[in-house]
Amino acid sequence: MPDGSVVDRRAVPDRRKLPLAAAEHALTGLERRRGAGRRLSDFQRSAEEGELTTEQFLFVIAIDEFKKANNKTFPSWTDVLEVIRLLGYRKTQPSDLHLQRAEDWMESADAPAQVRPDRWQERFKQPPEAEAA
């Protein structure tokens, strides 16, 4: 198809009416659809009502500080993971999710964050002559 050409969407089958492939239909544990008899967890409901737990509040503040320090309005997922690891979170338990395209793994609770480059701390040390003053 040449660049700039237009495809009539009526000529393509409606993807919503196509049968789902088995991999697409497998439940991952991330589904949040609600229906009759399905309620929000207390964790979700309180956050949506503006009543954050200490953990949720710390995370929100850490992300906000990251955005200010790095002049980023929209942090990438890698940035979010960096903040999470710097908060002290580690992958120490098997996942409750059933992801088809990723392998589960674990690490020790005292594993380093490993999100900073080597010698990162040296960037913030003052030169010896500034310390003497």
Protein backbone atom coordinates (compact mmCIF):
# COMPACT_ATOMS: atom_id res chain seq x y z
CA MET A 1 0.00 0.00 0.00
CA PRO A 2 1.53 3.36 -0.98
CA ASP A 3 2.26 5.94 1.70
CA GLY A 4 -0.55 8.37 2.32
CA SER A 5 -3.25 6.02 1.07
CA VAL A 6 -6.39 5.44 3.06
CA VAL A 7 -7.96 2.11 4.01
CA ASP A 8 -11.72 1.94 4.30
CA ARG A 9 -12.31 0.49 7.78
CA ARG A 10 -15.52 -1.13 6.53
CA ALA A 11 -13.42 -3.40 4.28
CA VAL A 12 -11.60 -4.91 7.28
CA PRO A 13 -13.39 -7.36 9.61
CA ASP A 14 -14.34 -5.88 12.98
CA ARG A 15 -11.70 -7.16 15.41
CA ARG A 16 -14.26 -7.19 18.23
CA LYS A 17 -16.22 -9.89 16.38
CA LEU A 18 -13.22 -12.11 15.65
CA PRO A 19 -12.71 -15.19 17.88
CA LEU A 20 -10.05 -14.66 20.54
CA ALA A 21 -6.81 -16.57 20.26
CA ALA A 22 -6.10 -18.84 23.24
CA ALA A 23 -3.10 -16.74 24.37
CA GLU A 24 -5.13 -13.52 24.25
CA HIS A 25 -7.95 -15.08 26.26
CA ALA A 26 -5.75 -16.47 29.08
CA LEU A 27 -6.25 -14.66 32.39
CA THR A 28 -3.18 -12.89 33.73
CA GLY A 29 -4.39 -11.76 37.14
CA LEU A 30 -4.34 -8.11 36.06
CA GLU A 31 -7.97 -7.93 35.00
CA ARG A 32 -9.95 -5.24 36.82
CA ARG A 33 -13.26 -5.42 34.99
CA ARG A 34 -16.17 -5.11 37.30
CA GLY A 35 -19.65 -6.47 36.99
CA ALA A 36 -22.42 -7.67 39.21
CA GLY A 37 -20.98 -8.95 42.48
CA ARG A 38 -17.43 -7.73 41.78
CA ARG A 39 -16.31 -4.99 44.11
CA LEU A 40 -13.16 -2.94 44.43
CA SER A 41 -10.69 -4.06 47.04
CA ASP A 42 -10.25 -1.80 50.08
CA PHE A 43 -6.76 -0.97 48.70
CA GLN A 44 -8.22 0.35 45.43
CA ARG A 45 -11.36 1.93 46.86
CA SER A 46 -9.54 3.99 49.48
CA ALA A 47 -7.01 5.24 46.90
CA GLU A 48 -9.76 6.23 44.48
CA GLU A 49 -11.52 8.11 47.26
CA GLY A 50 -8.33 10.02 48.05
CA GLU A 51 -7.47 8.17 51.27
CA LEU A 52 -3.98 6.84 50.55
CA THR A 53 -2.23 4.31 52.71
CA THR A 54 1.26 5.19 53.96
CA GLU A 55 2.73 2.99 51.22
CA GLN A 56 0.67 4.63 48.47
CA PHE A 57 1.46 8.13 49.78
CA LEU A 58 5.21 7.43 49.91
CA PHE A 59 5.13 6.12 46.34
CA VAL A 60 3.21 9.15 45.03
CA ILE A 61 5.60 11.56 46.78
CA ALA A 62 8.66 9.66 45.49
CA ILE A 63 7.38 9.79 41.90
CA ASP A 64 6.56 13.49 42.27
CA GLU A 65 10.05 14.24 43.61
CA PHE A 66 11.62 12.20 40.77
CA LYS A 67 9.66 14.25 38.22
CA LYS A 68 10.78 17.53 39.80
CA ALA A 69 14.44 16.48 40.17
CA ASN A 70 14.66 15.27 36.57
CA ASN A 71 12.34 17.83 34.96
CA LYS A 72 10.07 15.09 33.59
CA THR A 73 6.33 15.46 33.33
CA PHE A 74 5.80 11.86 32.26
CA PRO A 75 8.34 9.37 33.66
CA SER A 76 8.96 6.23 31.61
CA TRP A 77 8.19 2.79 33.02
CA THR A 78 11.94 2.34 33.55
CA ASP A 79 11.94 5.54 35.62
CA VAL A 80 9.01 4.23 37.70
CA LEU A 81 10.81 0.93 38.31
CA GLU A 82 13.94 2.86 39.35
CA VAL A 83 11.95 4.80 41.96
CA ILE A 84 10.32 1.59 43.21
CA ARG A 85 13.71 -0.10 43.64
CA LEU A 86 15.19 2.99 45.33
CA LEU A 87 12.27 2.90 47.77
CA GLY A 88 13.56 -0.52 48.81
CA TYR A 89 11.23 -2.88 46.97
CA ARG A 90 12.70 -6.19 45.79
CA LYS A 91 11.19 -9.17 43.96
CA THR A 92 11.32 -11.73 46.78
CA GLN A 93 8.10 -13.69 46.23
CA PRO A 94 6.68 -15.70 43.33
CA SER A 95 4.35 -13.63 41.18
CA ASP A 96 0.57 -13.82 41.59
CA LEU A 97 0.30 -13.03 37.87
CA HIS A 98 0.18 -15.49 34.99
CA LEU A 99 2.12 -13.74 32.25
CA GLN A 100 2.54 -15.65 28.99
CA ARG A 101 5.42 -13.57 27.59
CA ALA A 102 7.68 -13.23 30.64
CA GLU A 103 9.44 -15.59 33.02
CA ASP A 104 9.04 -15.11 36.76
CA TRP A 105 12.16 -14.64 38.91
CA MET A 106 13.11 -13.73 42.48
CA GLU A 107 16.01 -12.07 44.29
CA SER A 108 17.16 -11.82 47.89
CA ALA A 109 15.58 -9.17 50.08
CA ASP A 110 18.93 -7.45 50.61
CA ALA A 111 19.83 -7.28 46.90
CA PRO A 112 21.17 -3.87 45.83
CA ALA A 113 18.88 -1.66 43.75
CA GLN A 114 21.33 -1.68 40.81
CA VAL A 115 19.69 1.31 39.17
CA ARG A 116 22.55 3.77 39.55
CA PRO A 117 25.65 3.78 37.34
CA ASP A 118 29.06 2.99 38.86
CA ARG A 119 30.55 5.85 40.90
CA TRP A 120 27.21 7.70 40.88
CA GLN A 121 27.74 9.02 44.44
CA GLU A 122 30.96 10.76 43.41
CA ARG A 123 28.92 13.23 41.35
CA PHE A 124 27.58 14.81 44.52
CA LYS A 125 30.76 15.03 46.60
CA GLN A 126 32.17 18.50 47.11
CA PRO A 127 35.80 19.10 46.11
CA PRO A 128 38.27 19.03 49.08
CA GLU A 129 38.86 22.80 48.90
CA ALA A 130 35.11 23.46 49.26
CA GLU A 131 34.92 21.23 52.36
CA ALA A 132 37.77 23.16 54.08
CA ALA A 133 36.04 26.53 53.63
